[in-house]
Amino acid sequence: MTDNSTITAIDGLKVGHYSNFEAKTGCTVLLCPAEGCMASGFVLGSAPGGREISLLQPEKSVDRIDAIVLAGGSAFGLEAASGVMRYLKEQNRGFETPFGPMPIVPSAVIYDLPAGSSEVYPTAESGISAARSASDRAVELGRVGVGTGALVGKYLGFEHCSYGAIGSAVVEVGKAKVAALVVTNAVGDIVDPDSGQIVAGSSLANSNYDIDSLLAFAATNTTLAIVATDAIITKAQAYALSQTAHIGIARVTRPSHTIYDGDTSFTISTQKIADIPLMALSVAVQEVVAKAIIKGVKLANKIK
């Protein structure tokens, strides 16, 4: 049974976590239905880490994927996706080739090494564990899975930062749903766009940060977003919505998309509901990404 407040509200999607609370790292796996999902993605951050991202470009031949992996551990964490590929291969899932199916598993990572152990990373076995635990129940949010070691507001030093997190939210657009699953590990603060109040970030966030305070944190920050819908869209439209997802990140993350962030977004569709205007989906994507980020960090930092 699905839950209407997380990404599993979209029929057919399953999510599972692997969390190493001692080392403060982990990974999160989203499994698509057996037929896969239409998918694309867009990288806007200057310091990303990922795999199979190029395949998601609109002009590339493969338009459906089998899973997405979000992981800690920086580039080392990309190994988790190999485990998910093995898991799917055992189920005969993937893009058909003359010599058997090839699971399509895009992945992106955050740099969470400062949070705990800098020598422990998600592995292939971590990815398999997360995939095996995946279900259509409400997704556990906060400091779990890929969000276990996430931090935000690092521009004044790690001693002043707040907890980042994984969050999720859902909105309805006509008969369709638009949902987001987002982990924020940003250099900037998380700000309520309605009130302008800081939700999470540096304990000295009322001070004015400057570029000098950012220089020490190169390549250590990232926000990763998965947007999902059951509306019927093309791969090119999924690409456009992936671009729009970054607007949602920017609405609540200040500063966002710096040269020290590796912000990456994915958009997937289960292709069930027809005749939903792309403009309406685009607006919904912005809203739901922002809501997911706020929801996750409030939970992680125990803010009502």
Protein backbone atom coordinates (compact mmCIF):
# COMPACT_ATOMS: atom_id res chain seq x y z
CA MET A 1 0.00 0.00 0.00
CA THR A 2 1.44 3.36 -1.00
CA ASP A 3 1.67 6.53 1.06
CA ASN A 4 0.44 9.88 -0.28
CA SER A 5 3.16 12.04 1.26
CA THR A 6 6.33 10.54 -0.25
CA ILE A 7 7.51 9.53 -3.70
CA THR A 8 6.03 6.04 -3.30
CA ALA A 9 2.62 7.65 -3.76
CA ILE A 10 3.31 7.06 -7.44
CA ASP A 11 2.18 3.55 -8.19
CA GLY A 12 4.96 1.16 -9.10
CA LEU A 13 7.85 2.96 -7.42
CA LYS A 14 9.76 1.43 -4.52
CA VAL A 15 12.45 2.96 -2.31
CA GLY A 16 14.94 1.36 0.05
CA HIS A 17 17.80 2.61 2.23
CA TYR A 18 21.11 1.32 3.47
CA SER A 19 22.41 3.31 6.45
CA ASN A 20 25.71 3.07 8.29
CA PHE A 21 24.98 5.24 11.31
CA GLU A 22 28.42 4.71 12.85
CA ALA A 23 30.33 5.89 9.77
CA LYS A 24 27.54 8.35 8.91
CA THR A 25 27.07 7.36 5.30
CA GLY A 26 24.62 5.35 3.25
CA CYS A 27 22.70 5.00 0.02
CA THR A 28 19.13 5.14 -1.22
CA VAL A 29 17.74 3.11 -4.11
CA LEU A 30 14.63 3.89 -6.13
CA LEU A 31 13.36 0.89 -8.09
CA CYS A 32 11.18 1.42 -11.15
CA PRO A 33 8.35 -0.90 -12.20
CA ALA A 34 9.23 -3.97 -14.25
CA GLU A 35 8.72 -2.08 -17.51
CA GLY A 36 11.06 0.68 -16.38
CA CYS A 37 10.51 4.43 -16.35
CA MET A 38 10.92 7.11 -18.97
CA ALA A 39 13.85 9.15 -17.69
CA SER A 40 16.19 12.04 -18.20
CA GLY A 41 18.42 14.18 -16.03
CA PHE A 42 20.32 17.44 -15.78
CA VAL A 43 23.53 18.42 -13.99
CA LEU A 44 23.87 22.07 -13.02
CA GLY A 45 26.41 21.93 -10.23
CA SER A 46 30.08 22.36 -11.11
CA ALA A 47 31.39 19.49 -8.98
CA PRO A 48 29.17 16.47 -9.67
CA GLY A 49 29.79 12.78 -9.21
CA GLY A 50 27.68 10.30 -11.15
CA ARG A 51 27.37 7.50 -13.66
CA GLU A 52 25.09 6.85 -16.65
CA ILE A 53 24.24 10.57 -16.66
CA SER A 54 25.18 11.01 -20.34
CA LEU A 55 22.74 8.26 -21.28
CA LEU A 56 19.90 10.43 -19.97
CA GLN A 57 20.44 13.18 -22.54
CA PRO A 58 17.40 13.52 -24.84
CA GLU A 59 19.25 12.45 -27.98
CA LYS A 60 20.63 9.21 -26.53
CA SER A 61 19.05 5.93 -27.60
CA VAL A 62 17.94 4.47 -24.24
CA ASP A 63 14.90 6.25 -22.80
CA ARG A 64 13.93 3.97 -19.92
CA ILE A 65 15.76 3.12 -16.73
CA ASP A 66 15.39 0.42 -14.10
CA ALA A 67 16.56 2.19 -10.94
CA ILE A 68 18.33 5.24 -9.55
CA VAL A 69 20.96 5.16 -6.79
CA LEU A 70 21.81 8.13 -4.58
CA ALA A 71 24.84 7.48 -2.37
CA GLY A 72 27.24 9.01 0.07
CA GLY A 73 30.97 8.39 -0.05
CA SER A 74 31.67 10.78 -2.92
CA ALA A 75 33.03 8.98 -6.01
CA PHE A 76 33.68 5.83 -3.96
CA GLY A 77 29.93 5.56 -3.34
CA LEU A 78 29.25 5.01 -7.03
CA GLU A 79 30.08 1.37 -6.38
CA ALA A 80 26.63 0.99 -4.80
CA ALA A 81 25.08 1.19 -8.27
CA SER A 82 27.06 -1.87 -9.35
CA GLY A 83 25.34 -3.85 -6.63
CA VAL A 84 21.92 -2.67 -7.77
CA MET A 85 22.81 -3.72 -11.32
CA ARG A 86 23.66 -7.19 -10.05
CA TYR A 87 20.41 -7.32 -8.09
CA LEU A 88 18.37 -6.40 -11.18
CA LYS A 89 20.34 -8.74 -13.42
CA GLU A 90 19.34 -11.64 -11.19
CA GLN A 91 15.71 -10.67 -11.86
CA ASN A 92 16.33 -10.56 -15.61
CA ARG A 93 15.69 -6.81 -15.62
CA GLY A 94 17.27 -4.34 -17.98
CA PHE A 95 17.73 -3.11 -21.53
CA GLU A 96 17.60 -6.08 -23.86
CA THR A 97 20.83 -6.91 -25.68
CA PRO A 98 21.79 -9.97 -27.77
CA PHE A 99 23.63 -11.38 -24.76
CA GLY A 100 21.16 -10.66 -22.03
CA PRO A 101 19.59 -7.69 -20.27
CA MET A 102 21.68 -4.71 -19.19
CA PRO A 103 20.14 -2.93 -16.16
CA ILE A 104 20.16 0.85 -16.60
CA VAL A 105 20.96 2.39 -13.22
CA PRO A 106 21.93 6.08 -13.18
CA SER A 107 23.60 7.17 -9.98
CA ALA A 108 24.80 10.33 -8.26
CA VAL A 109 26.73 10.90 -5.04
CA ILE A 110 27.21 13.39 -2.25
CA TYR A 111 30.40 14.18 -0.37
CA ASP A 112 29.59 13.17 3.20
CA LEU A 113 33.10 12.28 4.38
CA PRO A 114 33.32 15.08 7.01
CA ALA A 115 30.28 13.75 8.88
CA GLY A 116 31.77 10.50 10.14
CA SER A 117 34.45 8.15 8.85
CA SER A 118 36.33 9.33 5.78
CA GLU A 119 37.42 5.75 5.09
CA VAL A 120 34.03 3.98 4.94
CA TYR A 121 31.86 4.22 1.83
CA PRO A 122 28.72 2.57 0.44
CA THR A 123 29.67 -0.56 -1.47
CA ALA A 124 28.03 -2.85 -4.01
CA GLU A 125 26.70 -4.86 -1.09
CA SER A 126 25.21 -1.66 0.36
CA GLY A 127 23.35 -1.11 -2.90
CA ILE A 128 22.05 -4.68 -2.88
CA SER A 129 20.89 -4.27 0.73
CA ALA A 130 19.01 -1.07 -0.12
CA ALA A 131 17.43 -2.66 -3.19
CA ARG A 132 16.28 -5.70 -1.26
CA SER A 133 14.67 -3.48 1.37
CA ALA A 134 12.85 -1.34 -1.20
CA SER A 135 9.09 -1.15 -0.79
CA ASP A 136 6.13 1.01 -1.74
CA ARG A 137 5.55 2.00 1.88
CA ALA A 138 6.11 5.57 3.04
CA VAL A 139 9.77 6.44 2.59
CA GLU A 140 11.72 6.95 5.80
CA LEU A 141 13.07 10.50 5.76
CA GLY A 142 15.69 12.57 7.56
CA ARG A 143 19.15 11.29 8.43
CA VAL A 144 18.85 7.91 6.78
CA GLY A 145 20.10 6.30 3.59
CA VAL A 146 21.97 8.81 1.44
CA GLY A 147 21.00 11.48 3.96
CA THR A 148 22.76 9.80 6.90
CA GLY A 149 25.85 12.01 6.71
CA ALA A 150 24.45 15.02 4.88
CA LEU A 151 25.25 18.51 6.22
CA VAL A 152 24.18 22.01 5.20
CA GLY A 153 25.38 25.54 5.88
CA LYS A 154 29.08 24.74 5.72
CA TYR A 155 30.31 28.11 4.45
CA LEU A 156 31.45 29.24 7.93
CA GLY A 157 33.04 25.92 8.83
CA PHE A 158 31.81 22.44 9.64
CA GLU A 159 31.56 23.34 13.33
CA HIS A 160 28.69 25.71 12.49
CA CYS A 161 26.71 23.57 10.06
CA SER A 162 23.34 21.83 10.50
CA TYR A 163 22.11 18.41 9.49
CA GLY A 164 21.20 17.84 5.89
CA ALA A 165 18.70 15.13 5.09
CA ILE A 166 16.67 13.20 2.59
CA GLY A 167 13.13 14.50 2.14
CA SER A 168 10.14 13.74 -0.04
CA ALA A 169 6.89 15.42 -1.00
CA VAL A 170 3.98 14.97 -3.41
CA VAL A 171 1.54 17.27 -5.18
CA GLU A 172 -1.37 16.51 -7.49
CA VAL A 173 -1.72 17.98 -10.98
CA GLY A 174 -5.13 17.11 -12.31
CA LYS A 175 -5.33 13.33 -12.24
CA ALA A 176 -1.55 12.98 -12.12
CA LYS A 177 0.93 13.15 -9.28
CA VAL A 178 4.32 14.83 -9.14
CA ALA A 179 6.70 13.79 -6.37
CA ALA A 180 10.27 14.46 -5.34
CA LEU A 181 12.90 12.62 -3.33
CA VAL A 182 15.76 14.97 -2.49
CA VAL A 183 18.94 14.80 -0.43
CA THR A 184 20.51 18.13 0.48
CA ASN A 185 24.18 18.37 1.40
CA ALA A 186 24.60 21.99 0.31
CA VAL A 187 27.25 24.54 1.16
CA GLY A 188 24.43 27.04 1.67
CA ASP A 189 21.61 27.46 4.18
CA ILE A 190 18.10 26.08 3.76
CA VAL A 191 15.60 28.93 3.81
CA ASP A 192 11.79 28.93 4.02
CA PRO A 193 10.82 30.73 0.78
CA ASP A 194 7.59 32.07 2.28
CA SER A 195 9.01 33.63 5.46
CA GLY A 196 12.63 34.08 4.48
CA GLN A 197 13.62 32.42 7.75
CA ILE A 198 16.59 30.04 7.90
CA VAL A 199 15.39 26.49 8.51
CA ALA A 200 18.83 24.87 8.68
CA GLY A 201 22.38 25.98 8.07
CA SER A 202 25.23 27.80 9.74
CA SER A 203 24.70 28.70 13.38
CA LEU A 204 26.08 32.10 12.41
CA ALA A 205 23.89 32.43 9.35
CA ASN A 206 22.74 35.92 10.30
CA SER A 207 26.28 37.04 9.47
CA ASN A 208 27.03 37.89 5.87
CA TYR A 209 29.02 35.10 4.24
CA ASP A 210 31.59 36.05 1.66
CA ILE A 211 33.53 34.19 -1.01
CA ASP A 212 36.57 33.76 1.25
CA SER A 213 34.54 31.66 3.66
CA LEU A 214 33.60 29.29 0.85
CA LEU A 215 37.06 28.54 -0.46
CA ALA A 216 37.83 25.78 2.02
CA PHE A 217 34.92 23.61 0.97
CA ALA A 218 35.52 22.97 -2.71
CA ALA A 219 33.81 19.87 -4.12
CA THR A 220 32.27 18.88 -0.78
CA ASN A 221 28.62 19.82 -1.35
CA THR A 222 25.71 18.58 -3.40
CA THR A 223 21.92 18.44 -3.67
CA LEU A 224 20.47 15.46 -5.53
CA ALA A 225 16.84 15.35 -6.63
CA ILE A 226 14.66 12.65 -8.13
CA VAL A 227 11.41 13.97 -9.58
CA ALA A 228 8.78 11.38 -10.44
CA THR A 229 5.39 11.58 -12.09
CA ASP A 230 2.77 9.27 -13.52
CA ALA A 231 1.99 11.75 -16.30
CA ILE A 232 2.86 10.67 -19.84
CA ILE A 233 5.89 12.66 -21.02
CA THR A 234 8.61 12.35 -23.64
CA LYS A 235 12.29 12.05 -22.85
CA ALA A 236 12.80 15.63 -24.01
CA GLN A 237 10.06 16.78 -21.64
CA ALA A 238 11.66 14.78 -18.81
CA TYR A 239 14.89 16.64 -19.57
CA ALA A 240 13.08 19.98 -19.38
CA LEU A 241 11.52 19.03 -16.05
CA SER A 242 14.94 18.01 -14.75
CA GLN A 243 16.11 21.52 -15.51
CA THR A 244 13.11 22.92 -13.69
CA ALA A 245 13.93 20.86 -10.61
CA HIS A 246 16.98 23.04 -10.08
CA ILE A 247 14.69 26.04 -9.66
CA GLY A 248 13.14 24.26 -6.68
CA ILE A 249 16.61 23.71 -5.22
CA ALA A 250 17.47 27.38 -5.70
CA ARG A 251 14.24 28.55 -4.06
CA VAL A 252 15.27 27.15 -0.69
CA THR A 253 19.08 26.88 -0.84
CA ARG A 254 21.16 30.03 -0.38
CA PRO A 255 23.60 30.22 -2.00
CA SER A 256 22.84 27.40 -4.42
CA HIS A 257 24.56 25.91 -7.46
CA THR A 258 27.94 27.26 -6.45
CA ILE A 259 31.15 26.05 -8.04
CA TYR A 260 31.50 23.82 -4.98
CA ASP A 261 28.13 22.07 -5.44
CA GLY A 262 27.48 19.04 -7.62
CA ASP A 263 23.72 19.50 -7.96
CA THR A 264 22.08 16.82 -10.11
CA SER A 265 18.43 16.11 -10.90
CA PHE A 266 16.61 13.17 -12.44
CA THR A 267 13.07 13.05 -13.79
CA ILE A 268 11.24 9.76 -14.27
CA SER A 269 7.73 8.84 -15.36
CA THR A 270 5.67 5.68 -15.08
CA GLN A 271 3.67 6.91 -18.12
CA LYS A 272 0.13 6.30 -16.85
CA ILE A 273 -1.84 9.58 -16.99
CA ALA A 274 -2.37 11.45 -20.26
CA ASP A 275 -3.09 15.08 -21.19
CA ILE A 276 -1.32 16.90 -18.36
CA PRO A 277 0.08 20.25 -19.60
CA LEU A 278 3.85 20.46 -19.38
CA MET A 279 3.55 23.97 -17.92
CA ALA A 280 1.51 22.62 -15.00
CA LEU A 281 4.02 19.84 -14.42
CA SER A 282 6.87 22.34 -14.51
CA VAL A 283 5.33 24.52 -11.80
CA ALA A 284 4.58 21.44 -9.69
CA VAL A 285 8.19 20.25 -9.97
CA GLN A 286 9.50 23.51 -8.55
CA GLU A 287 7.08 23.34 -5.65
CA VAL A 288 7.58 19.71 -4.77
CA VAL A 289 11.39 19.84 -4.84
CA ALA A 290 11.39 22.84 -2.49
CA LYS A 291 8.88 21.16 -0.18
CA ALA A 292 10.90 17.94 -0.07
CA ILE A 293 14.07 19.78 0.96
CA ILE A 294 12.33 21.77 3.70
CA LYS A 295 10.53 18.67 4.98
CA GLY A 296 13.71 16.63 5.21
CA VAL A 297 15.88 19.18 7.03
CA LYS A 298 13.11 20.08 9.47
CA LEU A 299 12.83 16.43 10.39
CA ALA A 300 16.59 15.98 10.68
CA ASN A 301 17.03 19.06 12.86
CA LYS A 302 13.82 18.42 14.87
CA ILE A 303 12.15 21.65 13.75
CA LYS A 304 8.37 21.82 13.76
